[in-house]
Amino acid sequence: MERVIDLESGVRLWTETRGNPSHPPLLLVMGAGAAGLTWPEALVDALAERHFVIRYDHRDTGRSTWAYEQRPYRLADLADDALAVLDAHDVRRAHLVGMSMGGVLVQLILADHPERVARATLFGTCALSEAPLVEPDGTRIPVAELPGPDARLLEFWAQPVADHGMEAELERRVAHWRLLNGDQLPFDDREFRSLERRIIEHTGHHRPSTAHALADQSDLVRTEALARNTVPVTVVESPADPVWRPAHARHLGQVIAGARVVAVRGMGHAVAGECVGELAAVIGG
């Protein structure tokens, strides 16, 4: 069921629910610049078998308010949006699932509002902690020295984005997904092309969203709060992730107290169809 909620700030957020409302609630929090429809339908359906699933469009994505240039905001404000979505659906505590930037937002909620989180699952993201990664041999790796994104992605991101029409934008998005998919699983061009066509139709235009990259990213570190965490947390390691390499999953598993790390074979920084079953089992387990 679709529903639009209005925040006191004047922002409108598109939301969708699936599954039995009497089942445990689960909120899907997507990454930067990505609409809620980016979550694969097969994954949402699988999770909805045992959960009341809520997904939504961040500000400046999909059918939610696009107004960053008129009303700039902090990245942390998007974590408040996630809580507002829960409030609108009368959910006090939920299983939060965060991918990429969504994983950052879920960590903020874990640290600042743990009473709202029944469980959390994080993947394709980095830790909001200044504590180093400690390798099995005792080597301590500072956060600044953890591996960065693949050079091919950095080159892609450096290219200016111009409007050459919908089909050109579609090609650009598919090329991006091809890189994000990683090198371990075959890339299904048709799958991601169909996904982006649905997102463009859902949004009503093909303009790319750049607001989240421009948003104020200050005051995100939560080292001490994450070290005191008492909420069950699962970190999904994506072995082929070209953005946040596996070392970041191991780092998350160390700096969030009580977190467990589980790998999903072949997954990159995209939820390819081949990964859906295993990922659903990890999230739901």
C-alpha atoms as a PDB file:
ATOM      1  CA  MET A   1       0.000   0.000   0.000  1.00  0.00           C
ATOM      2  CA  GLU A   2       1.368   3.425  -0.974  1.00  0.00           C
ATOM      3  CA  ARG A   3       1.128   6.452   1.272  1.00  0.00           C
ATOM      4  CA  VAL A   4       2.611   9.952   1.263  1.00  0.00           C
ATOM      5  CA  ILE A   5       3.476  11.471   4.630  1.00  0.00           C
ATOM      6  CA  ASP A   6       3.935  15.179   5.365  1.00  0.00           C
ATOM      7  CA  LEU A   7       6.672  16.303   7.751  1.00  0.00           C
ATOM      8  CA  GLU A   8       6.585  19.492   9.811  1.00  0.00           C
ATOM      9  CA  SER A   9       9.452  20.804   7.677  1.00  0.00           C
ATOM     10  CA  GLY A  10       7.191  20.792   4.633  1.00  0.00           C
ATOM     11  CA  VAL A  11       8.918  17.742   3.154  1.00  0.00           C
ATOM     12  CA  ARG A  12       6.716  15.000   1.723  1.00  0.00           C
ATOM     13  CA  LEU A  13       7.927  11.390   1.744  1.00  0.00           C
ATOM     14  CA  TRP A  14       6.531   8.604  -0.423  1.00  0.00           C
ATOM     15  CA  THR A  15       6.205   5.297   1.435  1.00  0.00           C
ATOM     16  CA  GLU A  16       5.007   1.808   0.603  1.00  0.00           C
ATOM     17  CA  THR A  17       4.105  -1.102   2.876  1.00  0.00           C
ATOM     18  CA  ARG A  18       3.920  -4.787   2.100  1.00  0.00           C
ATOM     19  CA  GLY A  19       3.015  -7.795   4.210  1.00  0.00           C
ATOM     20  CA  ASN A  20       0.809  -8.422   7.222  1.00  0.00           C
ATOM     21  CA  PRO A  21       0.702  -5.423   9.624  1.00  0.00           C
ATOM     22  CA  SER A  22       0.618  -7.872  12.535  1.00  0.00           C
ATOM     23  CA  HIS A  23       4.063  -9.214  11.587  1.00  0.00           C
ATOM     24  CA  PRO A  24       7.296  -7.693  12.979  1.00  0.00           C
ATOM     25  CA  PRO A  25       7.973  -4.358  11.197  1.00  0.00           C
ATOM     26  CA  LEU A  26      11.025  -3.987   8.978  1.00  0.00           C
ATOM     27  CA  LEU A  27      12.174  -0.668   7.485  1.00  0.00           C
ATOM     28  CA  LEU A  28      14.312  -0.647   4.325  1.00  0.00           C
ATOM     29  CA  VAL A  29      16.650   2.366   4.162  1.00  0.00           C
ATOM     30  CA  MET A  30      18.224   2.853   0.725  1.00  0.00           C
ATOM     31  CA  GLY A  31      21.490   4.496  -0.312  1.00  0.00           C
ATOM     32  CA  ALA A  32      22.358   7.962  -1.579  1.00  0.00           C
ATOM     33  CA  GLY A  33      20.412   9.274  -4.532  1.00  0.00           C
ATOM     34  CA  ALA A  34      18.401   6.068  -4.748  1.00  0.00           C
ATOM     35  CA  ALA A  35      14.619   5.803  -4.614  1.00  0.00           C
ATOM     36  CA  GLY A  36      12.875   3.189  -2.519  1.00  0.00           C
ATOM     37  CA  LEU A  37      12.071   1.191  -5.639  1.00  0.00           C
ATOM     38  CA  THR A  38      15.782   0.389  -5.873  1.00  0.00           C
ATOM     39  CA  TRP A  39      15.098  -2.407  -3.396  1.00  0.00           C
ATOM     40  CA  PRO A  40      14.451  -5.452  -5.647  1.00  0.00           C
ATOM     41  CA  GLU A  41      10.831  -6.553  -5.754  1.00  0.00           C
ATOM     42  CA  ALA A  42      11.862 -10.166  -5.149  1.00  0.00           C
ATOM     43  CA  LEU A  43      13.701  -9.146  -1.959  1.00  0.00           C
ATOM     44  CA  VAL A  44      10.766  -7.084  -0.683  1.00  0.00           C
ATOM     45  CA  ASP A  45       8.382  -9.962  -1.402  1.00  0.00           C
ATOM     46  CA  ALA A  46      10.638 -12.477   0.348  1.00  0.00           C
ATOM     47  CA  LEU A  47      10.963 -10.291   3.450  1.00  0.00           C
ATOM     48  CA  ALA A  48       7.206  -9.586   3.455  1.00  0.00           C
ATOM     49  CA  GLU A  49       6.489 -13.279   4.012  1.00  0.00           C
ATOM     50  CA  ARG A  50       7.458 -12.832   7.666  1.00  0.00           C
ATOM     51  CA  HIS A  51       7.613  -9.065   8.154  1.00  0.00           C
ATOM     52  CA  PHE A  52       5.549  -5.927   7.711  1.00  0.00           C
ATOM     53  CA  VAL A  53       7.938  -4.254   5.258  1.00  0.00           C
ATOM     54  CA  ILE A  54       8.149  -0.492   4.826  1.00  0.00           C
ATOM     55  CA  ARG A  55      10.226   1.199   2.154  1.00  0.00           C
ATOM     56  CA  TYR A  56      10.299   4.857   1.176  1.00  0.00           C
ATOM     57  CA  ASP A  57      11.850   7.494  -1.057  1.00  0.00           C
ATOM     58  CA  HIS A  58      14.444   9.717   0.591  1.00  0.00           C
ATOM     59  CA  ARG A  59      14.117  13.442   0.041  1.00  0.00           C
ATOM     60  CA  ASP A  60      15.310  14.332  -3.459  1.00  0.00           C
ATOM     61  CA  THR A  61      14.555  10.868  -4.818  1.00  0.00           C
ATOM     62  CA  GLY A  62      11.506   9.246  -6.360  1.00  0.00           C
ATOM     63  CA  ARG A  63       8.169  10.825  -5.463  1.00  0.00           C
ATOM     64  CA  SER A  64       9.376  12.534  -2.299  1.00  0.00           C
ATOM     65  CA  THR A  65      10.112  16.274  -2.171  1.00  0.00           C
ATOM     66  CA  TRP A  66      12.929  17.504  -4.406  1.00  0.00           C
ATOM     67  CA  ALA A  67      13.975  20.830  -2.900  1.00  0.00           C
ATOM     68  CA  TYR A  68      17.589  20.675  -1.745  1.00  0.00           C
ATOM     69  CA  GLU A  69      18.590  23.867  -3.565  1.00  0.00           C
ATOM     70  CA  GLN A  70      15.832  25.801  -1.810  1.00  0.00           C
ATOM     71  CA  ARG A  71      16.091  24.023   1.540  1.00  0.00           C
ATOM     72  CA  PRO A  72      19.528  22.439   2.126  1.00  0.00           C
ATOM     73  CA  TYR A  73      19.749  19.859   4.895  1.00  0.00           C
ATOM     74  CA  ARG A  74      22.252  17.758   6.802  1.00  0.00           C
ATOM     75  CA  LEU A  75      22.779  14.113   5.953  1.00  0.00           C
ATOM     76  CA  ALA A  76      21.816  13.358   9.556  1.00  0.00           C
ATOM     77  CA  ASP A  77      18.389  14.861   8.869  1.00  0.00           C
ATOM     78  CA  LEU A  78      17.693  11.844   6.670  1.00  0.00           C
ATOM     79  CA  ALA A  79      17.950   9.630   9.762  1.00  0.00           C
ATOM     80  CA  ASP A  80      15.184  11.745  11.314  1.00  0.00           C
ATOM     81  CA  ASP A  81      13.154  11.145   8.147  1.00  0.00           C
ATOM     82  CA  ALA A  82      13.458   7.387   8.684  1.00  0.00           C
ATOM     83  CA  LEU A  83      12.105   7.779  12.208  1.00  0.00           C
ATOM     84  CA  ALA A  84       9.286   9.951  10.872  1.00  0.00           C
ATOM     85  CA  VAL A  85       8.348   7.149   8.469  1.00  0.00           C
ATOM     86  CA  LEU A  86       8.125   4.736  11.407  1.00  0.00           C
ATOM     87  CA  ASP A  87       6.033   7.241  13.376  1.00  0.00           C
ATOM     88  CA  ALA A  88       3.640   7.714  10.472  1.00  0.00           C
ATOM     89  CA  HIS A  89       3.042   3.959  10.380  1.00  0.00           C
ATOM     90  CA  ASP A  90       2.645   3.745  14.184  1.00  0.00           C
ATOM     91  CA  VAL A  91       5.800   1.653  14.553  1.00  0.00           C
ATOM     92  CA  ARG A  92       7.747   2.161  17.777  1.00  0.00           C
ATOM     93  CA  ARG A  93      10.505  -0.410  17.151  1.00  0.00           C
ATOM     94  CA  ALA A  94      11.534  -2.053  13.906  1.00  0.00           C
ATOM     95  CA  HIS A  95      14.193  -4.144  12.242  1.00  0.00           C
ATOM     96  CA  LEU A  96      16.167  -1.545  10.269  1.00  0.00           C
ATOM     97  CA  VAL A  97      17.975  -2.598   7.098  1.00  0.00           C
ATOM     98  CA  GLY A  98      20.406  -0.063   5.688  1.00  0.00           C
ATOM     99  CA  MET A  99      22.344  -0.257   2.419  1.00  0.00           C
ATOM    100  CA  SER A 100      25.217   2.123   1.592  1.00  0.00           C
ATOM    101  CA  MET A 101      24.192   5.595   2.860  1.00  0.00           C
ATOM    102  CA  GLY A 102      21.210   3.819   4.388  1.00  0.00           C
ATOM    103  CA  GLY A 103      23.687   1.927   6.559  1.00  0.00           C
ATOM    104  CA  VAL A 104      25.052   5.254   7.776  1.00  0.00           C
ATOM    105  CA  LEU A 105      21.555   6.419   8.677  1.00  0.00           C
ATOM    106  CA  VAL A 106      20.776   3.169  10.500  1.00  0.00           C
ATOM    107  CA  GLN A 107      23.985   3.569  12.534  1.00  0.00           C
ATOM    108  CA  LEU A 108      22.911   7.079  13.544  1.00  0.00           C
ATOM    109  CA  ILE A 109      19.594   5.705  14.759  1.00  0.00           C
ATOM    110  CA  LEU A 110      21.336   2.833  16.551  1.00  0.00           C
ATOM    111  CA  ALA A 111      23.558   5.334  18.348  1.00  0.00           C
ATOM    112  CA  ASP A 112      21.040   8.091  19.060  1.00  0.00           C
ATOM    113  CA  HIS A 113      17.713   6.242  19.330  1.00  0.00           C
ATOM    114  CA  PRO A 114      18.449   2.577  20.124  1.00  0.00           C
ATOM    115  CA  GLU A 115      14.989   2.203  21.665  1.00  0.00           C
ATOM    116  CA  ARG A 116      13.553   2.431  18.127  1.00  0.00           C
ATOM    117  CA  VAL A 117      15.592  -0.516  16.822  1.00  0.00           C
ATOM    118  CA  ALA A 118      14.646  -4.154  17.410  1.00  0.00           C
ATOM    119  CA  ARG A 119      17.423  -5.421  15.126  1.00  0.00           C
ATOM    120  CA  ALA A 120      19.650  -3.924  12.436  1.00  0.00           C
ATOM    121  CA  THR A 121      21.232  -5.204   9.236  1.00  0.00           C
ATOM    122  CA  LEU A 122      23.947  -3.174   7.499  1.00  0.00           C
ATOM    123  CA  PHE A 123      25.687  -3.706   4.179  1.00  0.00           C
ATOM    124  CA  GLY A 124      27.623  -1.839   1.542  1.00  0.00           C
ATOM    125  CA  THR A 125      28.564   0.836   4.061  1.00  0.00           C
ATOM    126  CA  CYS A 126      31.282   2.165   6.377  1.00  0.00           C
ATOM    127  CA  ALA A 127      31.485   2.503  10.136  1.00  0.00           C
ATOM    128  CA  LEU A 128      30.754   5.790  11.922  1.00  0.00           C
ATOM    129  CA  SER A 129      33.718   5.115  14.193  1.00  0.00           C
ATOM    130  CA  GLU A 130      37.251   6.423  14.549  1.00  0.00           C
ATOM    131  CA  ALA A 131      38.457   3.164  16.107  1.00  0.00           C
ATOM    132  CA  PRO A 132      40.985   1.315  13.916  1.00  0.00           C
ATOM    133  CA  LEU A 133      40.463  -2.045  12.257  1.00  0.00           C
ATOM    134  CA  VAL A 134      42.431  -4.683  14.144  1.00  0.00           C
ATOM    135  CA  GLU A 135      43.606  -7.541  11.923  1.00  0.00           C
ATOM    136  CA  PRO A 136      43.991 -11.119  13.257  1.00  0.00           C
ATOM    137  CA  ASP A 137      47.751 -10.632  13.611  1.00  0.00           C
ATOM    138  CA  GLY A 138      47.201  -7.551  15.767  1.00  0.00           C
ATOM    139  CA  THR A 139      47.948  -4.988  13.063  1.00  0.00           C
ATOM    140  CA  ARG A 140      45.939  -1.815  13.647  1.00  0.00           C
ATOM    141  CA  ILE A 141      44.749  -0.061  10.485  1.00  0.00           C
ATOM    142  CA  PRO A 142      43.543   3.533  10.918  1.00  0.00           C
ATOM    143  CA  VAL A 143      40.197   4.362   9.336  1.00  0.00           C
ATOM    144  CA  ALA A 144      41.866   6.720   6.863  1.00  0.00           C
ATOM    145  CA  GLU A 145      43.974   3.825   5.567  1.00  0.00           C
ATOM    146  CA  LEU A 146      41.113   1.402   4.898  1.00  0.00           C
ATOM    147  CA  PRO A 147      40.716   0.625   1.172  1.00  0.00           C
ATOM    148  CA  GLY A 148      38.867   3.164  -0.939  1.00  0.00           C
ATOM    149  CA  PRO A 149      36.620   2.744  -3.997  1.00  0.00           C
ATOM    150  CA  ASP A 150      37.748   1.001  -7.177  1.00  0.00           C
ATOM    151  CA  ALA A 151      39.612   3.358  -9.526  1.00  0.00           C
ATOM    152  CA  ARG A 152      37.088   2.651 -12.277  1.00  0.00           C
ATOM    153  CA  LEU A 153      34.312   4.007 -10.084  1.00  0.00           C
ATOM    154  CA  LEU A 154      36.304   7.081  -9.152  1.00  0.00           C
ATOM    155  CA  GLU A 155      36.808   7.779 -12.843  1.00  0.00           C
ATOM    156  CA  PHE A 156      33.090   7.296 -13.524  1.00  0.00           C
ATOM    157  CA  TRP A 157      32.078   9.608 -10.665  1.00  0.00           C
ATOM    158  CA  ALA A 158      34.480  12.288 -11.894  1.00  0.00           C
ATOM    159  CA  GLN A 159      32.667  12.582 -15.219  1.00  0.00           C
ATOM    160  CA  PRO A 160      30.208  15.518 -15.455  1.00  0.00           C
ATOM    161  CA  VAL A 161      26.546  14.526 -15.598  1.00  0.00           C
ATOM    162  CA  ALA A 162      24.667  16.350 -18.346  1.00  0.00           C
ATOM    163  CA  ASP A 163      21.098  15.933 -19.530  1.00  0.00           C
ATOM    164  CA  HIS A 164      21.217  14.333 -22.970  1.00  0.00           C
ATOM    165  CA  GLY A 165      17.734  12.883 -22.700  1.00  0.00           C
ATOM    166  CA  MET A 166      16.121   9.938 -20.956  1.00  0.00           C
ATOM    167  CA  GLU A 167      17.749   7.174 -22.984  1.00  0.00           C
ATOM    168  CA  ALA A 168      21.216   8.623 -22.428  1.00  0.00           C
ATOM    169  CA  GLU A 169      20.527   8.912 -18.706  1.00  0.00           C
ATOM    170  CA  LEU A 170      19.293   5.327 -18.672  1.00  0.00           C
ATOM    171  CA  GLU A 171      22.536   4.181 -20.317  1.00  0.00           C
ATOM    172  CA  ARG A 172      24.567   6.132 -17.759  1.00  0.00           C
ATOM    173  CA  ARG A 173      22.716   4.515 -14.854  1.00  0.00           C
ATOM    174  CA  VAL A 174      23.108   1.010 -16.275  1.00  0.00           C
ATOM    175  CA  ALA A 175      26.837   1.624 -16.806  1.00  0.00           C
ATOM    176  CA  HIS A 176      27.044   2.696 -13.166  1.00  0.00           C
ATOM    177  CA  TRP A 177      25.289  -0.451 -11.980  1.00  0.00           C
ATOM    178  CA  ARG A 178      27.663  -2.533 -14.102  1.00  0.00           C
ATOM    179  CA  LEU A 179      30.589  -1.133 -12.108  1.00  0.00           C
ATOM    180  CA  LEU A 180      28.764  -1.404  -8.784  1.00  0.00           C
ATOM    181  CA  ASN A 181      27.928  -5.049  -9.461  1.00  0.00           C
ATOM    182  CA  GLY A 182      31.572  -5.999  -8.984  1.00  0.00           C
ATOM    183  CA  ASP A 183      33.538  -8.684 -10.773  1.00  0.00           C
ATOM    184  CA  GLN A 184      32.352 -11.923  -9.161  1.00  0.00           C
ATOM    185  CA  LEU A 185      28.849 -12.331 -10.604  1.00  0.00           C
ATOM    186  CA  PRO A 186      27.704 -11.838 -14.208  1.00  0.00           C
ATOM    187  CA  PHE A 187      26.010  -8.493 -14.774  1.00  0.00           C
ATOM    188  CA  ASP A 188      22.401  -8.735 -15.958  1.00  0.00           C
ATOM    189  CA  ASP A 189      21.917  -5.684 -18.175  1.00  0.00           C
ATOM    190  CA  ARG A 190      18.190  -6.336 -18.622  1.00  0.00           C
ATOM    191  CA  GLU A 191      17.577  -6.592 -14.875  1.00  0.00           C
ATOM    192  CA  PHE A 192      19.081  -3.213 -14.056  1.00  0.00           C
ATOM    193  CA  ARG A 193      17.766  -1.513 -17.196  1.00  0.00           C
ATOM    194  CA  SER A 194      14.249  -2.614 -16.238  1.00  0.00           C
ATOM    195  CA  LEU A 195      14.836  -1.423 -12.659  1.00  0.00           C
ATOM    196  CA  GLU A 196      15.876   2.044 -13.787  1.00  0.00           C
ATOM    197  CA  ARG A 197      12.978   2.347 -16.226  1.00  0.00           C
ATOM    198  CA  ARG A 198      10.597   1.611 -13.339  1.00  0.00           C
ATOM    199  CA  ILE A 199      12.338   4.187 -11.153  1.00  0.00           C
ATOM    200  CA  ILE A 200      12.155   6.860 -13.860  1.00  0.00           C
ATOM    201  CA  GLU A 201       8.459   6.140 -14.401  1.00  0.00           C
ATOM    202  CA  HIS A 202       7.864   6.180 -10.638  1.00  0.00           C
ATOM    203  CA  THR A 203       9.747   9.464 -10.235  1.00  0.00           C
ATOM    204  CA  GLY A 204       8.150  11.166 -13.204  1.00  0.00           C
ATOM    205  CA  HIS A 205      11.408  12.442 -14.659  1.00  0.00           C
ATOM    206  CA  HIS A 206      14.927  11.217 -15.413  1.00  0.00           C
ATOM    207  CA  ARG A 207      16.957  13.915 -13.639  1.00  0.00           C
ATOM    208  CA  PRO A 208      19.691  12.371 -11.453  1.00  0.00           C
ATOM    209  CA  SER A 209      19.657  13.188  -7.751  1.00  0.00           C
ATOM    210  CA  THR A 210      22.847  14.815  -6.455  1.00  0.00           C
ATOM    211  CA  ALA A 211      21.499  16.324  -3.212  1.00  0.00           C
ATOM    212  CA  HIS A 212      22.850  13.689  -0.850  1.00  0.00           C
ATOM    213  CA  ALA A 213      26.393  14.178  -2.116  1.00  0.00           C
ATOM    214  CA  LEU A 214      26.029  17.911  -1.375  1.00  0.00           C
ATOM    215  CA  ALA A 215      24.390  17.575   2.047  1.00  0.00           C
ATOM    216  CA  ASP A 216      26.328  18.584   5.170  1.00  0.00           C
ATOM    217  CA  GLN A 217      28.120  15.466   6.437  1.00  0.00           C
ATOM    218  CA  SER A 218      29.366  16.889   9.727  1.00  0.00           C
ATOM    219  CA  ASP A 219      28.713  15.320  13.134  1.00  0.00           C
ATOM    220  CA  LEU A 220      28.338  11.729  11.947  1.00  0.00           C
ATOM    221  CA  VAL A 221      30.959   9.964  14.097  1.00  0.00           C
ATOM    222  CA  ARG A 222      29.457   7.792  16.836  1.00  0.00           C
ATOM    223  CA  THR A 223      32.486   5.810  18.085  1.00  0.00           C
ATOM    224  CA  GLU A 224      31.545   5.578  21.757  1.00  0.00           C
ATOM    225  CA  ALA A 225      27.828   4.974  21.234  1.00  0.00           C
ATOM    226  CA  LEU A 226      28.434   2.150  18.747  1.00  0.00           C
ATOM    227  CA  ALA A 227      30.924   0.554  21.156  1.00  0.00           C
ATOM    228  CA  ARG A 228      28.145   0.498  23.778  1.00  0.00           C
ATOM    229  CA  ASN A 229      25.528  -0.968  21.428  1.00  0.00           C
ATOM    230  CA  THR A 230      23.182  -3.617  22.847  1.00  0.00           C
ATOM    231  CA  VAL A 231      20.910  -4.081  19.794  1.00  0.00           C
ATOM    232  CA  PRO A 232      21.402  -7.253  17.694  1.00  0.00           C
ATOM    233  CA  VAL A 233      23.273  -6.208  14.537  1.00  0.00           C
ATOM    234  CA  THR A 234      24.150  -8.202  11.431  1.00  0.00           C
ATOM    235  CA  VAL A 235      26.788  -6.860   9.060  1.00  0.00           C
ATOM    236  CA  VAL A 236      26.588  -8.327   5.574  1.00  0.00           C
ATOM    237  CA  GLU A 237      29.977  -8.655   3.908  1.00  0.00           C
ATOM    238  CA  SER A 238      29.808  -8.100   0.156  1.00  0.00           C
ATOM    239  CA  PRO A 239      32.968  -9.773  -1.196  1.00  0.00           C
ATOM    240  CA  ALA A 240      32.797  -7.983  -4.565  1.00  0.00           C
ATOM    241  CA  ASP A 241      31.802  -4.521  -3.314  1.00  0.00           C
ATOM    242  CA  PRO A 242      33.910  -1.989  -5.270  1.00  0.00           C
ATOM    243  CA  VAL A 243      32.856   0.940  -3.040  1.00  0.00           C
ATOM    244  CA  TRP A 244      33.203  -0.314   0.528  1.00  0.00           C
ATOM    245  CA  ARG A 245      35.582  -3.267   0.321  1.00  0.00           C
ATOM    246  CA  PRO A 246      35.242  -6.281   2.668  1.00  0.00           C
ATOM    247  CA  ALA A 247      37.616  -4.666   5.169  1.00  0.00           C
ATOM    248  CA  HIS A 248      34.860  -2.169   5.961  1.00  0.00           C
ATOM    249  CA  ALA A 249      32.448  -4.968   6.862  1.00  0.00           C
ATOM    250  CA  ARG A 250      35.067  -6.434   9.192  1.00  0.00           C
ATOM    251  CA  HIS A 251      35.572  -2.976  10.676  1.00  0.00           C
ATOM    252  CA  LEU A 252      31.835  -2.588  11.292  1.00  0.00           C
ATOM    253  CA  GLY A 253      31.788  -5.976  12.959  1.00  0.00           C
ATOM    254  CA  GLN A 254      34.483  -4.851  15.379  1.00  0.00           C
ATOM    255  CA  VAL A 255      33.352  -1.335  16.278  1.00  0.00           C
ATOM    256  CA  ILE A 256      29.645  -2.130  16.794  1.00  0.00           C
ATOM    257  CA  ALA A 257      29.403  -4.094  20.018  1.00  0.00           C
ATOM    258  CA  GLY A 258      27.880  -7.533  19.544  1.00  0.00           C
ATOM    259  CA  ALA A 259      27.700  -7.341  15.749  1.00  0.00           C
ATOM    260  CA  ARG A 260      28.074 -10.490  13.678  1.00  0.00           C
ATOM    261  CA  VAL A 261      29.461 -10.531  10.123  1.00  0.00           C
ATOM    262  CA  VAL A 262      27.941 -12.785   7.459  1.00  0.00           C
ATOM    263  CA  ALA A 263      29.063 -12.906   3.814  1.00  0.00           C
ATOM    264  CA  VAL A 264      26.715 -13.106   0.831  1.00  0.00           C
ATOM    265  CA  ARG A 265      28.570 -14.866  -1.959  1.00  0.00           C
ATOM    266  CA  GLY A 266      29.545 -12.738  -4.933  1.00  0.00           C
ATOM    267  CA  MET A 267      27.570  -9.657  -3.935  1.00  0.00           C
ATOM    268  CA  GLY A 268      28.885  -6.253  -4.932  1.00  0.00           C
ATOM    269  CA  HIS A 269      27.457  -2.806  -4.225  1.00  0.00           C
ATOM    270  CA  ALA A 270      24.220  -3.855  -5.882  1.00  0.00           C
ATOM    271  CA  VAL A 271      21.588  -6.413  -4.991  1.00  0.00           C
ATOM    272  CA  ALA A 272      21.681  -8.567  -8.108  1.00  0.00           C
ATOM    273  CA  GLY A 273      18.933 -11.119  -8.591  1.00  0.00           C
ATOM    274  CA  GLU A 274      21.340 -13.957  -7.920  1.00  0.00           C
ATOM    275  CA  CYS A 275      21.950 -12.598  -4.402  1.00  0.00           C
ATOM    276  CA  VAL A 276      18.352 -12.013  -3.352  1.00  0.00           C
ATOM    277  CA  GLY A 277      17.635 -15.418  -1.817  1.00  0.00           C
ATOM    278  CA  GLU A 278      20.786 -15.534   0.281  1.00  0.00           C
ATOM    279  CA  LEU A 279      20.455 -11.893   1.353  1.00  0.00           C
ATOM    280  CA  ALA A 280      16.818 -12.372   2.339  1.00  0.00           C
ATOM    281  CA  ALA A 281      17.799 -15.358   4.463  1.00  0.00           C
ATOM    282  CA  VAL A 282      20.520 -13.373   6.217  1.00  0.00           C
ATOM    283  CA  ILE A 283      18.224 -10.404   6.895  1.00  0.00           C
ATOM    284  CA  GLY A 284      15.352 -12.572   8.031  1.00  0.00           C
ATOM    285  CA  GLY A 285      17.471 -15.014  10.044  1.00  0.00           C
END
